[in-house]
Amino acid sequence: MSPLLIRPAHSADLKRLVELTLHVELFRNYGMTESSALSLFETALSDPESDVAVVAFAAKEADSGIPGKVLGFAWFLRKGAFGRSAYLRLIAVDPAARGTGAGRKLLEHFEGKYLAPHGIFLLVTHTNDSAQGFYERSGYSRVGEIPDFIQKGMNERIYFKPAAD
């Protein structure tokens, strides 16, 4: 398998970012549509407080034959948590690319940029056990829960990873 690379997202990636977002059932359950996702990413790419990156195979991937195909993305807000800490706004990986390390590579990339000095926050829906396990294995701790925050009947679990001492 080809090595993974991280690069900044740009407007040519918009269609793929929307596609990846709509692959996530949870985002669709929250009412995300093609037009709302497109608007969201257009705003993110022009916002100086946002940092959106994509992960792709560095070289031609044998199965798809598509060099540099975007496998996933992550969107961080530099000081999106309390005006102090970085906040993971969205992350998604193509279901066909799960298990390749793409999500971990994205998370590690942003941790290298934003973990110090004030840590990183993120939210995970209470029903998303696989995401909770992923973040816990990555050193994040559950520090709270917000009921009905994004949608009535859905609780968002707050996770935090502090900067290393």
N, C-alpha and C. Protein backbone atom coordinates (compact mmCIF):
# COMPACT_ATOMS: atom_id res chain seq x y z
N MET A 1 0.84 -1.18 0.00
CA MET A 1 0.00 0.00 0.00
C MET A 1 0.89 1.25 0.00
N SER A 2 0.46 2.24 -0.72
CA SER A 2 1.21 3.49 -0.81
C SER A 2 1.16 4.25 0.50
N PRO A 3 2.20 5.04 0.77
CA PRO A 3 2.17 5.85 1.99
C PRO A 3 1.12 6.95 1.89
N LEU A 4 0.66 7.37 3.06
CA LEU A 4 -0.36 8.41 3.14
C LEU A 4 0.31 9.77 3.26
N LEU A 5 -0.29 10.78 2.67
CA LEU A 5 0.19 12.14 2.83
C LEU A 5 -0.96 13.03 3.24
N ILE A 6 -0.61 14.09 3.97
CA ILE A 6 -1.58 15.09 4.40
C ILE A 6 -1.25 16.37 3.64
N ARG A 7 -2.28 17.03 3.15
CA ARG A 7 -2.09 18.32 2.50
C ARG A 7 -3.28 19.21 2.82
N PRO A 8 -3.11 20.53 2.70
CA PRO A 8 -4.24 21.43 2.93
C PRO A 8 -5.34 21.16 1.89
N ALA A 9 -6.57 21.28 2.33
CA ALA A 9 -7.70 21.18 1.40
C ALA A 9 -7.79 22.48 0.62
N HIS A 10 -8.30 22.39 -0.60
CA HIS A 10 -8.52 23.59 -1.41
C HIS A 10 -9.82 23.45 -2.17
N SER A 11 -10.20 24.48 -2.88
CA SER A 11 -11.52 24.50 -3.51
C SER A 11 -11.73 23.35 -4.49
N ALA A 12 -10.67 22.85 -5.11
CA ALA A 12 -10.82 21.72 -6.02
C ALA A 12 -11.25 20.45 -5.28
N ASP A 13 -11.12 20.43 -3.96
CA ASP A 13 -11.51 19.28 -3.14
C ASP A 13 -12.96 19.35 -2.68
N LEU A 14 -13.66 20.44 -2.93
CA LEU A 14 -15.00 20.64 -2.36
C LEU A 14 -15.93 19.47 -2.65
N LYS A 15 -16.00 19.03 -3.88
CA LYS A 15 -16.91 17.94 -4.24
C LYS A 15 -16.59 16.69 -3.42
N ARG A 16 -15.30 16.37 -3.27
CA ARG A 16 -14.91 15.18 -2.52
C ARG A 16 -15.19 15.34 -1.03
N LEU A 17 -14.99 16.54 -0.47
CA LEU A 17 -15.29 16.79 0.95
C LEU A 17 -16.77 16.56 1.22
N VAL A 18 -17.61 17.06 0.33
CA VAL A 18 -19.06 16.87 0.47
C VAL A 18 -19.40 15.39 0.37
N GLU A 19 -18.83 14.71 -0.60
CA GLU A 19 -19.09 13.28 -0.79
C GLU A 19 -18.71 12.49 0.46
N LEU A 20 -17.53 12.77 1.01
CA LEU A 20 -17.08 12.06 2.21
C LEU A 20 -17.98 12.34 3.40
N THR A 21 -18.42 13.58 3.52
CA THR A 21 -19.32 13.94 4.62
C THR A 21 -20.63 13.19 4.52
N LEU A 22 -21.18 13.12 3.32
CA LEU A 22 -22.47 12.46 3.14
C LEU A 22 -22.37 10.94 3.24
N HIS A 23 -21.15 10.38 3.21
CA HIS A 23 -20.95 8.95 3.47
C HIS A 23 -21.24 8.62 4.94
N VAL A 24 -21.15 9.62 5.81
CA VAL A 24 -21.30 9.40 7.25
C VAL A 24 -22.79 9.52 7.60
N GLU A 25 -23.37 8.40 7.97
CA GLU A 25 -24.80 8.36 8.28
C GLU A 25 -25.17 9.36 9.38
N LEU A 26 -24.32 9.49 10.37
CA LEU A 26 -24.59 10.40 11.47
C LEU A 26 -24.78 11.83 10.98
N PHE A 27 -23.92 12.27 10.06
CA PHE A 27 -24.06 13.64 9.53
C PHE A 27 -25.37 13.79 8.78
N ARG A 28 -25.76 12.77 8.03
CA ARG A 28 -27.04 12.82 7.33
C ARG A 28 -28.19 12.84 8.34
N ASN A 29 -28.06 12.08 9.43
CA ASN A 29 -29.09 12.08 10.47
C ASN A 29 -29.24 13.44 11.13
N TYR A 30 -28.17 14.20 11.16
CA TYR A 30 -28.21 15.56 11.71
C TYR A 30 -28.73 16.56 10.70
N GLY A 31 -29.15 16.09 9.54
CA GLY A 31 -29.75 16.97 8.55
C GLY A 31 -28.79 17.52 7.52
N MET A 32 -27.57 17.01 7.46
CA MET A 32 -26.60 17.47 6.48
C MET A 32 -27.05 17.06 5.09
N THR A 33 -27.07 18.00 4.18
CA THR A 33 -27.42 17.74 2.79
C THR A 33 -26.24 18.14 1.91
N GLU A 34 -26.34 17.84 0.65
CA GLU A 34 -25.26 18.21 -0.26
C GLU A 34 -25.05 19.72 -0.26
N SER A 35 -26.13 20.48 -0.33
CA SER A 35 -25.97 21.94 -0.39
C SER A 35 -25.50 22.51 0.95
N SER A 36 -25.96 21.97 2.07
CA SER A 36 -25.49 22.50 3.36
C SER A 36 -24.03 22.13 3.60
N ALA A 37 -23.61 20.93 3.17
CA ALA A 37 -22.22 20.53 3.31
C ALA A 37 -21.32 21.39 2.42
N LEU A 38 -21.76 21.65 1.20
CA LEU A 38 -20.99 22.51 0.30
C LEU A 38 -20.81 23.90 0.89
N SER A 39 -21.88 24.47 1.40
CA SER A 39 -21.82 25.79 2.02
C SER A 39 -20.88 25.79 3.23
N LEU A 40 -20.97 24.75 4.03
CA LEU A 40 -20.13 24.62 5.21
C LEU A 40 -18.65 24.60 4.84
N PHE A 41 -18.29 23.82 3.83
CA PHE A 41 -16.89 23.72 3.44
C PHE A 41 -16.40 24.96 2.71
N GLU A 42 -17.25 25.59 1.93
CA GLU A 42 -16.85 26.85 1.30
C GLU A 42 -16.49 27.88 2.37
N THR A 43 -17.30 27.93 3.42
CA THR A 43 -17.02 28.83 4.54
C THR A 43 -15.73 28.43 5.25
N ALA A 44 -15.56 27.14 5.50
CA ALA A 44 -14.37 26.65 6.21
C ALA A 44 -13.09 27.00 5.45
N LEU A 45 -13.11 26.82 4.14
CA LEU A 45 -11.90 27.06 3.35
C LEU A 45 -11.54 28.54 3.27
N SER A 46 -12.50 29.42 3.53
CA SER A 46 -12.21 30.85 3.49
C SER A 46 -12.03 31.46 4.88
N ASP A 47 -12.22 30.67 5.92
CA ASP A 47 -12.15 31.16 7.30
C ASP A 47 -10.71 31.06 7.81
N PRO A 48 -10.09 32.18 8.19
CA PRO A 48 -8.70 32.12 8.67
C PRO A 48 -8.54 31.37 10.00
N GLU A 49 -9.62 31.16 10.73
CA GLU A 49 -9.55 30.40 11.98
C GLU A 49 -9.72 28.90 11.76
N SER A 50 -10.07 28.51 10.53
CA SER A 50 -10.25 27.10 10.20
C SER A 50 -9.01 26.54 9.54
N ASP A 51 -8.79 25.26 9.75
CA ASP A 51 -7.70 24.54 9.12
C ASP A 51 -8.28 23.21 8.65
N VAL A 52 -8.40 23.05 7.34
CA VAL A 52 -8.96 21.83 6.77
C VAL A 52 -7.85 21.14 5.98
N ALA A 53 -7.66 19.88 6.27
CA ALA A 53 -6.64 19.10 5.55
C ALA A 53 -7.27 17.81 5.05
N VAL A 54 -6.66 17.27 4.01
CA VAL A 54 -7.10 15.99 3.46
C VAL A 54 -5.96 15.00 3.56
N VAL A 55 -6.32 13.73 3.55
CA VAL A 55 -5.34 12.64 3.53
C VAL A 55 -5.56 11.87 2.23
N ALA A 56 -4.45 11.52 1.59
CA ALA A 56 -4.51 10.80 0.32
C ALA A 56 -3.33 9.85 0.24
N PHE A 57 -3.42 8.88 -0.66
CA PHE A 57 -2.27 8.06 -0.94
C PHE A 57 -1.25 8.91 -1.67
N ALA A 58 0.00 8.79 -1.28
CA ALA A 58 1.06 9.61 -1.87
C ALA A 58 1.32 9.23 -3.32
N ALA A 59 1.15 7.98 -3.65
CA ALA A 59 1.40 7.54 -5.01
C ALA A 59 0.17 6.81 -5.53
N LYS A 60 0.24 6.39 -6.76
CA LYS A 60 -0.88 5.68 -7.38
C LYS A 60 -1.26 4.47 -6.53
N GLU A 61 -2.50 4.44 -6.09
CA GLU A 61 -3.00 3.34 -5.25
C GLU A 61 -3.44 2.20 -6.16
N ALA A 62 -2.93 1.02 -5.90
CA ALA A 62 -3.08 -0.11 -6.82
C ALA A 62 -4.52 -0.43 -7.18
N ASP A 63 -5.43 -0.41 -6.21
CA ASP A 63 -6.80 -0.83 -6.49
C ASP A 63 -7.59 0.20 -7.28
N SER A 64 -7.45 1.48 -6.95
CA SER A 64 -8.29 2.49 -7.59
C SER A 64 -7.65 3.04 -8.84
N GLY A 65 -6.33 2.99 -8.93
CA GLY A 65 -5.65 3.57 -10.07
C GLY A 65 -5.69 5.09 -10.08
N ILE A 66 -6.09 5.71 -8.99
CA ILE A 66 -6.22 7.16 -8.94
C ILE A 66 -5.12 7.73 -8.05
N PRO A 67 -4.12 8.35 -8.63
CA PRO A 67 -3.07 8.93 -7.79
C PRO A 67 -3.62 10.08 -6.96
N GLY A 68 -3.23 10.11 -5.70
CA GLY A 68 -3.62 11.22 -4.84
C GLY A 68 -5.09 11.27 -4.46
N LYS A 69 -5.83 10.19 -4.64
CA LYS A 69 -7.26 10.20 -4.31
C LYS A 69 -7.44 10.53 -2.83
N VAL A 70 -8.32 11.50 -2.56
CA VAL A 70 -8.59 11.93 -1.19
C VAL A 70 -9.39 10.85 -0.48
N LEU A 71 -8.83 10.38 0.65
CA LEU A 71 -9.46 9.31 1.43
C LEU A 71 -10.25 9.84 2.61
N GLY A 72 -9.91 11.04 3.05
CA GLY A 72 -10.58 11.60 4.21
C GLY A 72 -10.15 13.03 4.44
N PHE A 73 -10.76 13.64 5.44
CA PHE A 73 -10.45 15.02 5.79
C PHE A 73 -10.64 15.23 7.28
N ALA A 74 -10.05 16.30 7.77
CA ALA A 74 -10.32 16.78 9.13
C ALA A 74 -10.38 18.30 9.07
N TRP A 75 -11.26 18.86 9.87
CA TRP A 75 -11.44 20.31 9.94
C TRP A 75 -11.28 20.71 11.40
N PHE A 76 -10.27 21.50 11.66
CA PHE A 76 -10.01 22.02 12.99
C PHE A 76 -10.26 23.51 13.03
N LEU A 77 -10.77 23.97 14.15
CA LEU A 77 -10.86 25.40 14.45
C LEU A 77 -9.72 25.69 15.42
N ARG A 78 -8.85 26.60 15.04
CA ARG A 78 -7.63 26.84 15.79
C ARG A 78 -7.88 27.15 17.27
N LYS A 79 -8.87 27.96 17.55
CA LYS A 79 -9.21 28.29 18.94
C LYS A 79 -10.72 28.18 19.12
N GLY A 80 -11.26 27.08 18.64
CA GLY A 80 -12.70 26.88 18.64
C GLY A 80 -13.29 26.45 19.96
N ALA A 81 -12.46 26.10 20.92
CA ALA A 81 -12.96 25.68 22.23
C ALA A 81 -12.58 26.75 23.25
N PHE A 82 -13.56 27.52 23.64
CA PHE A 82 -13.39 28.54 24.67
C PHE A 82 -12.42 29.65 24.25
N GLY A 83 -12.23 29.83 22.94
CA GLY A 83 -11.32 30.84 22.45
C GLY A 83 -9.87 30.58 22.84
N ARG A 84 -9.58 29.35 23.20
CA ARG A 84 -8.26 29.02 23.75
C ARG A 84 -7.67 27.74 23.15
N SER A 85 -8.46 26.70 23.07
CA SER A 85 -7.98 25.39 22.63
C SER A 85 -8.49 25.07 21.23
N ALA A 86 -7.75 24.22 20.53
CA ALA A 86 -8.20 23.76 19.22
C ALA A 86 -9.42 22.86 19.39
N TYR A 87 -10.25 22.84 18.35
CA TYR A 87 -11.48 22.07 18.37
C TYR A 87 -11.59 21.31 17.05
N LEU A 88 -11.74 20.00 17.13
CA LEU A 88 -11.97 19.19 15.94
C LEU A 88 -13.44 19.34 15.56
N ARG A 89 -13.70 20.05 14.47
CA ARG A 89 -15.07 20.35 14.03
C ARG A 89 -15.70 19.15 13.31
N LEU A 90 -14.95 18.59 12.35
CA LEU A 90 -15.43 17.43 11.59
C LEU A 90 -14.25 16.59 11.16
N ILE A 91 -14.48 15.30 11.07
CA ILE A 91 -13.50 14.38 10.50
C ILE A 91 -14.30 13.27 9.83
N ALA A 92 -13.82 12.83 8.67
CA ALA A 92 -14.47 11.72 7.98
C ALA A 92 -13.44 11.01 7.11
N VAL A 93 -13.59 9.69 7.03
CA VAL A 93 -12.74 8.86 6.18
C VAL A 93 -13.66 8.00 5.33
N ASP A 94 -13.31 7.86 4.07
CA ASP A 94 -14.07 7.03 3.15
C ASP A 94 -14.21 5.63 3.77
N PRO A 95 -15.42 5.09 3.80
CA PRO A 95 -15.60 3.75 4.38
C PRO A 95 -14.66 2.71 3.76
N ALA A 96 -14.34 2.84 2.49
CA ALA A 96 -13.44 1.89 1.83
C ALA A 96 -12.00 2.05 2.30
N ALA A 97 -11.68 3.17 2.95
CA ALA A 97 -10.31 3.43 3.40
C ALA A 97 -10.14 3.22 4.90
N ARG A 98 -11.18 2.77 5.58
CA ARG A 98 -11.05 2.53 7.02
C ARG A 98 -10.07 1.40 7.24
N GLY A 99 -9.26 1.56 8.27
CA GLY A 99 -8.24 0.56 8.56
C GLY A 99 -6.91 0.83 7.87
N THR A 100 -6.84 1.88 7.06
CA THR A 100 -5.59 2.22 6.37
C THR A 100 -4.70 3.13 7.21
N GLY A 101 -5.25 3.65 8.32
CA GLY A 101 -4.50 4.61 9.13
C GLY A 101 -4.76 6.05 8.73
N ALA A 102 -5.67 6.26 7.80
CA ALA A 102 -5.94 7.61 7.30
C ALA A 102 -6.46 8.52 8.42
N GLY A 103 -7.41 8.06 9.21
CA GLY A 103 -7.96 8.87 10.30
C GLY A 103 -6.91 9.18 11.34
N ARG A 104 -6.11 8.19 11.71
CA ARG A 104 -5.05 8.40 12.70
C ARG A 104 -4.02 9.39 12.17
N LYS A 105 -3.67 9.28 10.90
CA LYS A 105 -2.68 10.19 10.30
C LYS A 105 -3.20 11.63 10.35
N LEU A 106 -4.48 11.84 10.05
CA LEU A 106 -5.07 13.18 10.12
C LEU A 106 -5.02 13.71 11.55
N LEU A 107 -5.44 12.88 12.50
CA LEU A 107 -5.47 13.31 13.89
C LEU A 107 -4.06 13.66 14.38
N GLU A 108 -3.10 12.82 14.08
CA GLU A 108 -1.72 13.08 14.50
C GLU A 108 -1.16 14.35 13.86
N HIS A 109 -1.52 14.59 12.61
CA HIS A 109 -1.09 15.81 11.93
C HIS A 109 -1.55 17.05 12.69
N PHE A 110 -2.83 17.07 13.04
CA PHE A 110 -3.37 18.24 13.73
C PHE A 110 -2.90 18.31 15.17
N GLU A 111 -2.70 17.18 15.81
CA GLU A 111 -2.15 17.22 17.17
C GLU A 111 -0.76 17.85 17.16
N GLY A 112 0.02 17.55 16.12
CA GLY A 112 1.33 18.17 16.00
C GLY A 112 1.27 19.68 15.87
N LYS A 113 0.19 20.17 15.30
CA LYS A 113 0.03 21.61 15.11
C LYS A 113 -0.64 22.29 16.30
N TYR A 114 -1.62 21.62 16.93
CA TYR A 114 -2.50 22.33 17.87
C TYR A 114 -2.58 21.78 19.29
N LEU A 115 -1.96 20.66 19.56
CA LEU A 115 -2.09 20.10 20.91
C LEU A 115 -1.47 21.04 21.95
N ALA A 116 -0.30 21.56 21.66
CA ALA A 116 0.33 22.53 22.57
C ALA A 116 -0.13 23.93 22.17
N PRO A 117 -0.36 24.84 23.06
CA PRO A 117 -0.14 24.70 24.50
C PRO A 117 -1.40 24.36 25.29
N HIS A 118 -2.60 24.38 24.66
CA HIS A 118 -3.83 24.28 25.45
C HIS A 118 -4.71 23.07 25.15
N GLY A 119 -4.18 22.08 24.47
CA GLY A 119 -4.94 20.86 24.23
C GLY A 119 -5.97 20.98 23.11
N ILE A 120 -6.66 19.86 22.88
CA ILE A 120 -7.66 19.76 21.82
C ILE A 120 -8.95 19.19 22.41
N PHE A 121 -10.06 19.80 22.02
CA PHE A 121 -11.40 19.34 22.37
C PHE A 121 -12.09 18.78 21.13
N LEU A 122 -13.04 17.90 21.34
CA LEU A 122 -13.90 17.41 20.29
C LEU A 122 -15.19 16.88 20.91
N LEU A 123 -16.20 16.74 20.08
CA LEU A 123 -17.48 16.16 20.50
C LEU A 123 -17.71 14.86 19.75
N VAL A 124 -18.31 13.90 20.43
CA VAL A 124 -18.68 12.63 19.80
C VAL A 124 -20.10 12.30 20.25
N THR A 125 -20.96 11.99 19.30
CA THR A 125 -22.33 11.60 19.63
C THR A 125 -22.33 10.35 20.50
N HIS A 126 -23.19 10.33 21.50
CA HIS A 126 -23.19 9.25 22.49
C HIS A 126 -23.38 7.87 21.88
N THR A 127 -23.95 7.77 20.70
CA THR A 127 -24.18 6.47 20.06
C THR A 127 -23.00 6.01 19.20
N ASN A 128 -22.00 6.86 19.03
CA ASN A 128 -20.89 6.55 18.13
C ASN A 128 -19.75 5.87 18.90
N ASP A 129 -19.97 4.60 19.21
CA ASP A 129 -19.00 3.84 20.01
C ASP A 129 -17.64 3.71 19.32
N SER A 130 -17.63 3.52 18.01
CA SER A 130 -16.35 3.34 17.33
C SER A 130 -15.50 4.61 17.39
N ALA A 131 -16.11 5.77 17.23
CA ALA A 131 -15.36 7.03 17.33
C ALA A 131 -14.86 7.24 18.76
N GLN A 132 -15.69 6.93 19.74
CA GLN A 132 -15.26 7.08 21.13
C GLN A 132 -14.04 6.21 21.40
N GLY A 133 -14.06 4.98 20.93
CA GLY A 133 -12.92 4.08 21.11
C GLY A 133 -11.67 4.60 20.41
N PHE A 134 -11.84 5.12 19.21
CA PHE A 134 -10.72 5.68 18.44
C PHE A 134 -10.06 6.82 19.22
N TYR A 135 -10.87 7.74 19.73
CA TYR A 135 -10.30 8.88 20.46
C TYR A 135 -9.69 8.45 21.80
N GLU A 136 -10.32 7.52 22.47
CA GLU A 136 -9.76 7.05 23.74
C GLU A 136 -8.43 6.35 23.51
N ARG A 137 -8.32 5.55 22.45
CA ARG A 137 -7.04 4.90 22.12
C ARG A 137 -5.98 5.94 21.73
N SER A 138 -6.43 7.10 21.29
CA SER A 138 -5.52 8.18 20.88
C SER A 138 -5.18 9.13 22.03
N GLY A 139 -5.63 8.78 23.25
CA GLY A 139 -5.25 9.57 24.42
C GLY A 139 -6.23 10.63 24.85
N TYR A 140 -7.42 10.66 24.27
CA TYR A 140 -8.45 11.62 24.67
C TYR A 140 -9.26 11.05 25.81
N SER A 141 -9.70 11.91 26.70
CA SER A 141 -10.53 11.51 27.84
C SER A 141 -11.88 12.17 27.74
N ARG A 142 -12.90 11.41 28.10
CA ARG A 142 -14.25 11.98 28.15
C ARG A 142 -14.35 12.85 29.39
N VAL A 143 -14.71 14.12 29.20
CA VAL A 143 -14.75 15.06 30.31
C VAL A 143 -16.14 15.62 30.58
N GLY A 144 -17.11 15.22 29.78
CA GLY A 144 -18.46 15.72 30.01
C GLY A 144 -19.41 15.28 28.91
N GLU A 145 -20.63 15.76 29.04
CA GLU A 145 -21.67 15.43 28.07
C GLU A 145 -22.65 16.59 27.98
N ILE A 146 -23.09 16.87 26.76
CA ILE A 146 -24.06 17.94 26.53
C ILE A 146 -25.32 17.31 25.93
N PRO A 147 -26.43 17.31 26.68
CA PRO A 147 -27.65 16.73 26.13
C PRO A 147 -28.30 17.66 25.10
N ASP A 148 -28.86 17.06 24.05
CA ASP A 148 -29.66 17.79 23.06
C ASP A 148 -28.91 18.97 22.43
N PHE A 149 -27.61 18.88 22.30
CA PHE A 149 -26.82 20.02 21.83
C PHE A 149 -27.00 20.30 20.34
N ILE A 150 -26.87 19.27 19.52
CA ILE A 150 -27.01 19.45 18.08
C ILE A 150 -28.40 19.06 17.62
N GLN A 151 -28.93 18.01 18.24
CA GLN A 151 -30.26 17.53 17.89
C GLN A 151 -30.93 16.95 19.12
N LYS A 152 -32.18 17.24 19.27
CA LYS A 152 -32.95 16.72 20.41
C LYS A 152 -32.85 15.20 20.45
N GLY A 153 -32.58 14.68 21.63
CA GLY A 153 -32.48 13.24 21.83
C GLY A 153 -31.09 12.67 21.59
N MET A 154 -30.17 13.53 21.17
CA MET A 154 -28.79 13.08 20.92
C MET A 154 -27.86 13.84 21.86
N ASN A 155 -27.09 13.09 22.62
CA ASN A 155 -26.13 13.71 23.53
C ASN A 155 -24.76 13.72 22.89
N GLU A 156 -24.04 14.81 23.11
CA GLU A 156 -22.68 14.93 22.60
C GLU A 156 -21.71 14.76 23.77
N ARG A 157 -20.81 13.82 23.63
CA ARG A 157 -19.79 13.60 24.65
C ARG A 157 -18.59 14.48 24.34
N ILE A 158 -18.10 15.14 25.36
CA ILE A 158 -16.96 16.05 25.22
C ILE A 158 -15.69 15.28 25.55
N TYR A 159 -14.76 15.32 24.62
CA TYR A 159 -13.45 14.69 24.82
C TYR A 159 -12.37 15.77 24.79
N PHE A 160 -11.31 15.52 25.57
CA PHE A 160 -10.20 16.47 25.66
C PHE A 160 -8.88 15.71 25.75
N LYS A 161 -7.90 16.24 25.07
CA LYS A 161 -6.53 15.73 25.19
C LYS A 161 -5.65 16.93 25.53
N PRO A 162 -5.04 16.92 26.71
CA PRO A 162 -4.19 18.05 27.10
C PRO A 162 -2.83 17.97 26.43
N ALA A 163 -2.17 19.10 26.36
CA ALA A 163 -0.80 19.13 25.86
C ALA A 163 0.07 18.35 26.85
N ALA A 164 1.09 17.71 26.33
CA ALA A 164 2.02 16.98 27.19
C ALA A 164 2.77 17.95 28.08
N ASP A 165 3.06 17.50 29.28
CA ASP A 165 3.81 18.36 30.22
C ASP A 165 5.23 18.58 29.79
